[in-house]
Protein backbone atom coordinates (compact mmCIF):
# COMPACT_ATOMS: atom_id res chain seq x y z
CA MET A 1 4.14 -15.35 11.35
CA HIS A 2 6.56 -14.38 8.79
CA HIS A 3 4.10 -12.81 6.82
CA ILE A 4 3.54 -10.38 9.93
CA ARG A 5 7.14 -8.81 9.75
CA MET A 6 6.20 -8.47 6.72
CA GLU A 7 3.43 -6.18 6.52
CA LEU A 8 5.39 -4.25 9.93
CA TRP A 9 8.91 -3.60 7.60
CA LEU A 10 6.99 -2.84 4.64
CA GLN A 11 4.46 0.23 7.13
CA GLN A 12 7.76 1.35 8.77
CA ILE A 13 9.11 2.05 4.96
CA LEU A 14 5.81 3.95 3.91
CA MET A 15 5.65 5.95 7.15
CA GLN A 16 9.70 6.73 7.61
CA ASN A 17 8.20 7.52 3.75
CA GLY A 18 5.74 10.26 5.36
CA PHE A 19 2.84 8.00 4.34
CA ASP A 20 0.19 7.19 6.55
CA VAL A 21 -1.17 3.68 7.29
CA LYS A 22 -4.82 2.93 8.03
CA ASP A 23 -6.19 -1.00 8.03
CA ASN A 24 -9.18 0.10 6.51
CA LEU A 25 -9.94 1.24 2.97
CA THR A 26 -11.56 4.49 3.89
CA LYS A 27 -11.88 7.73 1.59
CA ASP A 28 -9.60 9.32 3.20
CA VAL A 29 -6.86 6.25 1.75
CA ASN A 30 -5.36 6.98 -2.44
CA TYR A 31 -3.27 4.36 -2.67
CA LEU A 32 -3.12 0.53 -1.55
CA LEU A 33 -0.64 -1.72 -1.72
CA ASN A 34 -1.01 -5.34 -2.06
CA GLU A 35 2.45 -7.27 -2.13
CA SER A 36 0.32 -10.17 -2.57
CA GLY A 37 -0.67 -9.32 -5.83
CA ILE A 38 -4.13 -11.78 -5.00
CA GLU A 39 -7.07 -10.40 -6.14
CA SER A 40 -9.24 -9.52 -2.76
CA ALA A 41 -12.05 -8.14 -1.55
CA LYS A 42 -10.54 -5.21 -0.52
CA THR A 43 -8.61 -4.86 -3.39
CA GLN A 44 -11.63 -5.16 -5.24
CA LYS A 45 -13.88 -2.51 -3.05
CA ALA A 46 -10.05 -0.22 -3.77
CA HIS A 47 -10.78 -0.82 -7.24
CA THR A 48 -14.43 0.31 -6.70
CA MET A 49 -13.55 3.14 -4.45
CA GLY A 50 -11.12 4.27 -7.06
CA ILE A 51 -7.69 3.66 -5.07
CA THR A 52 -4.91 3.37 -6.60
CA VAL A 53 -3.14 -0.59 -6.53
CA TYR A 54 0.18 -1.40 -6.47
CA ASN A 55 1.42 -4.55 -6.01
CA ASN A 56 5.15 -2.65 -5.59
CA ILE A 57 6.55 -0.29 -2.80
CA LYS A 58 9.55 0.63 -4.91
CA GLN A 59 6.84 1.48 -7.55
CA LEU A 60 4.07 3.13 -5.43
CA LEU A 61 7.83 5.00 -3.77
CA THR A 62 8.66 6.07 -7.29
CA GLU A 63 5.71 7.22 -7.72
CA ASN A 64 4.99 8.81 -5.57
CA ASN A 65 7.96 11.20 -5.21
CA HIS A 66 9.02 9.20 -2.16
CA GLY A 67 12.17 7.62 -3.44
CA THR A 68 14.70 7.49 -5.64
CA THR A 69 14.66 6.52 -9.22
């Protein structure tokens, strides 16, 4: 249950900062947030598709001008 609450919290932060949050990887996805750091099938697919993978939400927000530096 803790994992689900954390995921929802991260989604809220991203949406509040102007990101569209999707459940699936498509050609419209620019970034994948993988807070666990585990190299899953989704993460591998993102690399193959040229999608930037972040392991830290603060880094994603900062590097994409949505957060404070």
